[in-house]
PDB file of N, CA and C in Angstrom:
ATOM      1  N   UNK A   1     104.434 104.652  98.664  1.00  0.00           N
ATOM      2  CA  UNK A   1     103.010 104.438  98.591  1.00  0.00           C
ATOM      3  C   UNK A   1     102.463 104.916  97.255  1.00  0.00           C
ATOM      4  N   UNK A   2     102.847 106.109  96.810  1.00  0.00           N
ATOM      5  CA  UNK A   2     102.411 106.624  95.519  1.00  0.00           C
ATOM      6  C   UNK A   2     103.568 106.563  94.535  1.00  0.00           C
ATOM      7  N   UNK A   3     103.255 106.544  93.235  1.00  0.00           N
ATOM      8  CA  UNK A   3     104.268 106.512  92.201  1.00  0.00           C
ATOM      9  C   UNK A   3     104.084 107.712  91.285  1.00  0.00           C
ATOM     10  N   UNK A   4     105.144 108.064  90.548  1.00  0.00           N
ATOM     11  CA  UNK A   4     105.060 109.149  89.573  1.00  0.00           C
ATOM     12  C   UNK A   4     103.986 108.802  88.548  1.00  0.00           C
ATOM     13  N   UNK A   5     103.118 109.762  88.276  1.00  0.00           N
ATOM     14  CA  UNK A   5     102.020 109.563  87.332  1.00  0.00           C
ATOM     15  C   UNK A   5     100.702 109.182  87.976  1.00  0.00           C
ATOM     16  N   UNK A   6     100.702 108.852  89.267  1.00  0.00           N
ATOM     17  CA  UNK A   6      99.451 108.519  89.956  1.00  0.00           C
ATOM     18  C   UNK A   6      98.547 109.737  90.030  1.00  0.00           C
ATOM     19  N   UNK A   7      97.263 109.561  89.738  1.00  0.00           N
ATOM     20  CA  UNK A   7      96.263 110.608  89.893  1.00  0.00           C
ATOM     21  C   UNK A   7      95.687 110.476  91.292  1.00  0.00           C
ATOM     22  N   UNK A   8      95.632 111.601  92.019  1.00  0.00           N
ATOM     23  CA  UNK A   8      95.122 111.584  93.386  1.00  0.00           C
ATOM     24  C   UNK A   8      94.022 112.621  93.545  1.00  0.00           C
ATOM     25  N   UNK A   9      93.244 112.452  94.596  1.00  0.00           N
ATOM     26  CA  UNK A   9      92.238 113.455  94.946  1.00  0.00           C
ATOM     27  C   UNK A   9      92.400 113.806  96.413  1.00  0.00           C
ATOM     28  N   UNK A  10      92.194 115.069  96.736  1.00  0.00           N
ATOM     29  CA  UNK A  10      92.246 115.587  98.104  1.00  0.00           C
ATOM     30  C   UNK A  10      90.792 115.801  98.513  1.00  0.00           C
ATOM     31  N   UNK A  11      90.344 115.108  99.554  1.00  0.00           N
ATOM     32  CA  UNK A  11      88.929 115.156  99.939  1.00  0.00           C
ATOM     33  C   UNK A  11      88.772 115.415 101.426  1.00  0.00           C
ATOM     34  N   UNK A  12      87.578 115.883 101.786  1.00  0.00           N
ATOM     35  CA  UNK A  12      87.172 115.999 103.193  1.00  0.00           C
ATOM     36  C   UNK A  12      86.615 114.653 103.613  1.00  0.00           C
ATOM     37  N   UNK A  13      86.935 114.214 104.811  1.00  0.00           N
ATOM     38  CA  UNK A  13      86.453 112.924 105.304  1.00  0.00           C
ATOM     39  C   UNK A  13      85.052 113.052 105.876  1.00  0.00           C
ATOM     40  N   UNK A  14      84.177 112.194 105.415  1.00  0.00           N
ATOM     41  CA  UNK A  14      82.820 112.041 105.958  1.00  0.00           C
ATOM     42  C   UNK A  14      82.482 110.561 105.895  1.00  0.00           C
ATOM     43  N   UNK A  15      81.418 110.168 106.540  1.00  0.00           N
ATOM     44  CA  UNK A  15      81.012 108.766 106.514  1.00  0.00           C
ATOM     45  C   UNK A  15      80.665 108.329 105.091  1.00  0.00           C
ATOM     46  N   UNK A  16      79.999 109.199 104.348  1.00  0.00           N
ATOM     47  CA  UNK A  16      79.633 108.922 102.958  1.00  0.00           C
ATOM     48  C   UNK A  16      80.229 110.021 102.100  1.00  0.00           C
ATOM     49  N   UNK A  17      81.056 109.639 101.114  1.00  0.00           N
ATOM     50  CA  UNK A  17      81.711 110.627 100.260  1.00  0.00           C
ATOM     51  C   UNK A  17      80.711 111.194  99.247  1.00  0.00           C
ATOM     52  N   UNK A  18      80.648 112.521  99.174  1.00  0.00           N
ATOM     53  CA  UNK A  18      79.773 113.200  98.218  1.00  0.00           C
ATOM     54  C   UNK A  18      80.628 114.073  97.295  1.00  0.00           C
ATOM     55  N   UNK A  19      80.086 114.519  96.162  1.00  0.00           N
ATOM     56  CA  UNK A  19      80.867 115.368  95.247  1.00  0.00           C
ATOM     57  C   UNK A  19      81.353 116.672  95.877  1.00  0.00           C
ATOM     58  N   UNK A  20      80.659 117.181  96.879  1.00  0.00           N
ATOM     59  CA  UNK A  20      81.075 118.428  97.508  1.00  0.00           C
ATOM     60  C   UNK A  20      82.280 118.243  98.425  1.00  0.00           C
ATOM     61  N   UNK A  21      82.639 116.998  98.727  1.00  0.00           N
ATOM     62  CA  UNK A  21      83.801 116.720  99.577  1.00  0.00           C
ATOM     63  C   UNK A  21      85.116 116.830  98.821  1.00  0.00           C
ATOM     64  N   UNK A  22      85.075 116.815  97.493  1.00  0.00           N
ATOM     65  CA  UNK A  22      86.287 116.897  96.688  1.00  0.00           C
ATOM     66  C   UNK A  22      86.869 118.306  96.766  1.00  0.00           C
ATOM     67  N   UNK A  23      88.121 118.411  97.189  1.00  0.00           N
ATOM     68  CA  UNK A  23      88.802 119.698  97.275  1.00  0.00           C
ATOM     69  C   UNK A  23      89.583 119.958  95.998  1.00  0.00           C
ATOM     70  N   UNK A  24      90.374 118.964  95.553  1.00  0.00           N
ATOM     71  CA  UNK A  24      91.173 119.143  94.350  1.00  0.00           C
ATOM     72  C   UNK A  24      91.675 117.794  93.865  1.00  0.00           C
ATOM     73  N   UNK A  25      92.121 117.754  92.610  1.00  0.00           N
ATOM     74  CA  UNK A  25      92.743 116.568  92.039  1.00  0.00           C
ATOM     75  C   UNK A  25      94.107 116.962  91.492  1.00  0.00           C
ATOM     76  N   UNK A  26      94.982 115.982  91.375  1.00  0.00           N
ATOM     77  CA  UNK A  26      96.312 116.279  90.863  1.00  0.00           C
ATOM     78  C   UNK A  26      97.047 115.028  90.452  1.00  0.00           C
ATOM     79  N   UNK A  27      98.282 115.220  89.985  1.00  0.00           N
ATOM     80  CA  UNK A  27      99.132 114.130  89.521  1.00  0.00           C
ATOM     81  C   UNK A  27     100.468 114.196  90.252  1.00  0.00           C
ATOM     82  N   UNK A  28     100.928 113.055  90.746  1.00  0.00           N
ATOM     83  CA  UNK A  28     102.226 112.975  91.407  1.00  0.00           C
ATOM     84  C   UNK A  28     103.297 113.096  90.326  1.00  0.00           C
ATOM     85  N   UNK A  29     104.217 114.073  90.472  1.00  0.00           N
ATOM     86  CA  UNK A  29     105.248 114.291  89.464  1.00  0.00           C
ATOM     87  C   UNK A  29     106.652 113.946  89.953  1.00  0.00           C
ATOM     88  N   UNK A  30     106.846 113.770  91.254  1.00  0.00           N
ATOM     89  CA  UNK A  30     108.173 113.471  91.783  1.00  0.00           C
ATOM     90  C   UNK A  30     108.027 112.870  93.172  1.00  0.00           C
ATOM     91  N   UNK A  31     108.880 111.939  93.491  1.00  0.00           N
ATOM     92  CA  UNK A  31     108.903 111.411  94.840  1.00  0.00           C
ATOM     93  C   UNK A  31     108.846 109.904  94.849  1.00  0.00           C
ATOM     94  N   UNK A  32     108.917 109.327  95.996  1.00  0.00           N
ATOM     95  CA  UNK A  32     108.968 109.944  97.315  1.00  0.00           C
ATOM     96  C   UNK A  32     110.372 110.381  97.714  1.00  0.00           C
ATOM     97  N   UNK A  33     110.428 111.420  98.529  1.00  0.00           N
ATOM     98  CA  UNK A  33     111.657 111.910  99.139  1.00  0.00           C
ATOM     99  C   UNK A  33     111.422 111.883 100.642  1.00  0.00           C
ATOM    100  N   UNK A  34     112.282 111.179 101.367  1.00  0.00           N
ATOM    101  CA  UNK A  34     112.108 111.092 102.820  1.00  0.00           C
ATOM    102  C   UNK A  34     112.788 112.257 103.508  1.00  0.00           C
ATOM    103  N   UNK A  35     112.026 112.958 104.330  1.00  0.00           N
ATOM    104  CA  UNK A  35     112.528 114.037 105.164  1.00  0.00           C
ATOM    105  C   UNK A  35     112.123 113.700 106.591  1.00  0.00           C
ATOM    106  N   UNK A  36     113.117 113.453 107.429  1.00  0.00           N
ATOM    107  CA  UNK A  36     112.884 113.068 108.822  1.00  0.00           C
ATOM    108  C   UNK A  36     111.919 111.896 108.930  1.00  0.00           C
ATOM    109  N   UNK A  37     112.063 110.913 108.025  1.00  0.00           N
ATOM    110  CA  UNK A  37     111.268 109.692 108.077  1.00  0.00           C
ATOM    111  C   UNK A  37     109.886 109.790 107.460  1.00  0.00           C
ATOM    112  N   UNK A  38     109.504 110.936 106.903  1.00  0.00           N
ATOM    113  CA  UNK A  38     108.185 111.117 106.296  1.00  0.00           C
ATOM    114  C   UNK A  38     108.354 111.291 104.790  1.00  0.00           C
ATOM    115  N   UNK A  39     107.591 110.524 104.000  1.00  0.00           N
ATOM    116  CA  UNK A  39     107.678 110.621 102.547  1.00  0.00           C
ATOM    117  C   UNK A  39     106.972 111.874 102.043  1.00  0.00           C
ATOM    118  N   UNK A  40     107.639 112.609 101.157  1.00  0.00           N
ATOM    119  CA  UNK A  40     107.082 113.802 100.528  1.00  0.00           C
ATOM    120  C   UNK A  40     107.014 113.572  99.025  1.00  0.00           C
ATOM    121  N   UNK A  41     106.005 114.138  98.394  1.00  0.00           N
ATOM    122  CA  UNK A  41     105.794 114.012  96.958  1.00  0.00           C
ATOM    123  C   UNK A  41     105.546 115.388  96.362  1.00  0.00           C
ATOM    124  N   UNK A  42     105.944 115.587  95.109  1.00  0.00           N
ATOM    125  CA  UNK A  42     105.595 116.804  94.389  1.00  0.00           C
ATOM    126  C   UNK A  42     104.328 116.491  93.602  1.00  0.00           C
ATOM    127  N   UNK A  43     103.315 117.352  93.756  1.00  0.00           N
ATOM    128  CA  UNK A  43     102.021 117.142  93.110  1.00  0.00           C
ATOM    129  C   UNK A  43     101.689 118.341  92.240  1.00  0.00           C
ATOM    130  N   UNK A  44     101.298 118.088  90.999  1.00  0.00           N
ATOM    131  CA  UNK A  44     100.823 119.139  90.102  1.00  0.00           C
ATOM    132  C   UNK A  44      99.304 119.138  90.206  1.00  0.00           C
ATOM    133  N   UNK A  45      98.754 120.188  90.795  1.00  0.00           N
ATOM    134  CA  UNK A  45      97.321 120.281  91.025  1.00  0.00           C
ATOM    135  C   UNK A  45      96.599 120.754  89.768  1.00  0.00           C
ATOM    136  N   UNK A  46      95.372 120.269  89.581  1.00  0.00           N
ATOM    137  CA  UNK A  46      94.589 120.575  88.387  1.00  0.00           C
ATOM    138  C   UNK A  46      93.956 121.955  88.422  1.00  0.00           C
ATOM    139  N   UNK A  47      93.672 122.465  89.614  1.00  0.00           N
ATOM    140  CA  UNK A  47      93.041 123.791  89.698  1.00  0.00           C
ATOM    141  C   UNK A  47      93.528 124.530  90.933  1.00  0.00           C
ATOM    142  N   UNK A  48      93.336 125.827  90.910  1.00  0.00           N
ATOM    143  CA  UNK A  48      93.669 126.653  92.062  1.00  0.00           C
ATOM    144  C   UNK A  48      92.489 126.605  93.025  1.00  0.00           C
ATOM    145  N   UNK A  49      92.750 126.601  94.303  1.00  0.00           N
ATOM    146  CA  UNK A  49      91.684 126.531  95.304  1.00  0.00           C
ATOM    147  C   UNK A  49      91.795 127.724  96.228  1.00  0.00           C
ATOM    148  N   UNK A  50      90.662 128.301  96.606  1.00  0.00           N
ATOM    149  CA  UNK A  50      90.652 129.518  97.427  1.00  0.00           C
ATOM    150  C   UNK A  50      91.267 129.322  98.803  1.00  0.00           C
ATOM    151  N   UNK A  51      90.942 128.211  99.454  1.00  0.00           N
ATOM    152  CA  UNK A  51      91.367 128.019 100.829  1.00  0.00           C
ATOM    153  C   UNK A  51      92.811 127.604 100.995  1.00  0.00           C
ATOM    154  N   UNK A  52      93.479 127.224  99.920  1.00  0.00           N
ATOM    155  CA  UNK A  52      94.843 126.733 100.031  1.00  0.00           C
ATOM    156  C   UNK A  52      95.597 127.070  98.752  1.00  0.00           C
ATOM    157  N   UNK A  53      96.875 127.332  98.877  1.00  0.00           N
ATOM    158  CA  UNK A  53      97.689 127.673  97.714  1.00  0.00           C
ATOM    159  C   UNK A  53      97.944 126.416  96.897  1.00  0.00           C
ATOM    160  N   UNK A  54      97.289 126.286  95.761  1.00  0.00           N
ATOM    161  CA  UNK A  54      97.407 125.113  94.900  1.00  0.00           C
ATOM    162  C   UNK A  54      97.931 125.483  93.527  1.00  0.00           C
ATOM    163  N   UNK A  55      98.668 126.548  93.400  1.00  0.00           N
ATOM    164  CA  UNK A  55      99.094 126.995  92.089  1.00  0.00           C
ATOM    165  C   UNK A  55     100.299 126.183  91.631  1.00  0.00           C
ATOM    166  N   UNK A  56     100.195 125.515  90.484  1.00  0.00           N
ATOM    167  CA  UNK A  56     101.306 124.742  89.946  1.00  0.00           C
ATOM    168  C   UNK A  56     101.572 123.487  90.745  1.00  0.00           C
ATOM    169  N   UNK A  57     102.844 123.284  91.113  1.00  0.00           N
ATOM    170  CA  UNK A  57     103.242 122.091  91.845  1.00  0.00           C
ATOM    171  C   UNK A  57     103.605 122.445  93.275  1.00  0.00           C
ATOM    172  N   UNK A  58     103.231 121.583  94.203  1.00  0.00           N
ATOM    173  CA  UNK A  58     103.568 121.776  95.610  1.00  0.00           C
ATOM    174  C   UNK A  58     104.128 120.477  96.172  1.00  0.00           C
ATOM    175  N   UNK A  59     104.922 120.583  97.220  1.00  0.00           N
ATOM    176  CA  UNK A  59     105.410 119.400  97.934  1.00  0.00           C
ATOM    177  C   UNK A  59     104.376 119.044  98.993  1.00  0.00           C
ATOM    178  N   UNK A  60     103.991 117.787  99.027  1.00  0.00           N
ATOM    179  CA  UNK A  60     102.955 117.320  99.950  1.00  0.00           C
ATOM    180  C   UNK A  60     103.422 116.057 100.655  1.00  0.00           C
ATOM    181  N   UNK A  61     102.929 115.855 101.870  1.00  0.00           N
ATOM    182  CA  UNK A  61     103.213 114.614 102.582  1.00  0.00           C
ATOM    183  C   UNK A  61     102.208 113.527 102.207  1.00  0.00           C
ATOM    184  N   UNK A  62     101.045 113.920 101.735  1.00  0.00           N
ATOM    185  CA  UNK A  62      99.969 113.007 101.326  1.00  0.00           C
ATOM    186  C   UNK A  62      99.573 112.058 102.452  1.00  0.00           C
ATOM    187  N   UNK A  63      99.602 112.570 103.677  1.00  0.00           N
ATOM    188  CA  UNK A  63      99.162 111.809 104.844  1.00  0.00           C
ATOM    189  C   UNK A  63      97.723 112.178 105.163  1.00  0.00           C
ATOM    190  N   UNK A  64      96.935 111.178 105.478  1.00  0.00           N
ATOM    191  CA  UNK A  64      95.539 111.420 105.826  1.00  0.00           C
ATOM    192  C   UNK A  64      95.421 111.814 107.296  1.00  0.00           C
ATOM    193  N   UNK A  65      94.391 112.580 107.601  1.00  0.00           N
ATOM    194  CA  UNK A  65      94.102 112.964 108.982  1.00  0.00           C
ATOM    195  C   UNK A  65      92.634 112.644 109.252  1.00  0.00           C
ATOM    196  N   UNK A  66      92.154 113.028 110.417  1.00  0.00           N
ATOM    197  CA  UNK A  66      90.740 112.795 110.718  1.00  0.00           C
ATOM    198  C   UNK A  66      89.835 113.651 109.856  1.00  0.00           C
ATOM    199  N   UNK A  67      90.323 114.813 109.416  1.00  0.00           N
ATOM    200  CA  UNK A  67      89.489 115.747 108.671  1.00  0.00           C
ATOM    201  C   UNK A  67      89.659 115.640 107.151  1.00  0.00           C
ATOM    202  N   UNK A  68      90.879 115.371 106.663  1.00  0.00           N
ATOM    203  CA  UNK A  68      91.163 115.330 105.232  1.00  0.00           C
ATOM    204  C   UNK A  68      91.929 114.070 104.868  1.00  0.00           C
ATOM    205  N   UNK A  69      91.836 113.672 103.599  1.00  0.00           N
ATOM    206  CA  UNK A  69      92.639 112.541 103.135  1.00  0.00           C
ATOM    207  C   UNK A  69      92.967 112.691 101.663  1.00  0.00           C
ATOM    208  N   UNK A  70      93.966 111.927 101.240  1.00  0.00           N
ATOM    209  CA  UNK A  70      94.384 111.853  99.845  1.00  0.00           C
ATOM    210  C   UNK A  70      94.134 110.421  99.393  1.00  0.00           C
ATOM    211  N   UNK A  71      93.521 110.248  98.220  1.00  0.00           N
ATOM    212  CA  UNK A  71      93.224 108.909  97.704  1.00  0.00           C
ATOM    213  C   UNK A  71      93.557 108.834  96.227  1.00  0.00           C
ATOM    214  N   UNK A  72      93.893 107.633  95.771  1.00  0.00           N
ATOM    215  CA  UNK A  72      94.106 107.411  94.344  1.00  0.00           C
ATOM    216  C   UNK A  72      92.782 107.492  93.613  1.00  0.00           C
ATOM    217  N   UNK A  73      92.837 108.014  92.400  1.00  0.00           N
ATOM    218  CA  UNK A  73      91.620 108.071  91.572  1.00  0.00           C
ATOM    219  C   UNK A  73      91.568 106.808  90.735  1.00  0.00           C
TER     220      UNK A  73
END
């Protein structure tokens, strides 16, 4: 679904997207790697966030839920 170099944003889901819904932005640096049928990607995040460990690169599934989603920028 995503490719190396894609810019993504992690947002809170609401009916109308506002600037306060943006949690973080980042760049896909590796992947996809399938683990038990689910694609995982390495993402280099642009900033550190208080509520979640976003320091450097993290492995993410980049799956959307009812509360949060990941989208291409």
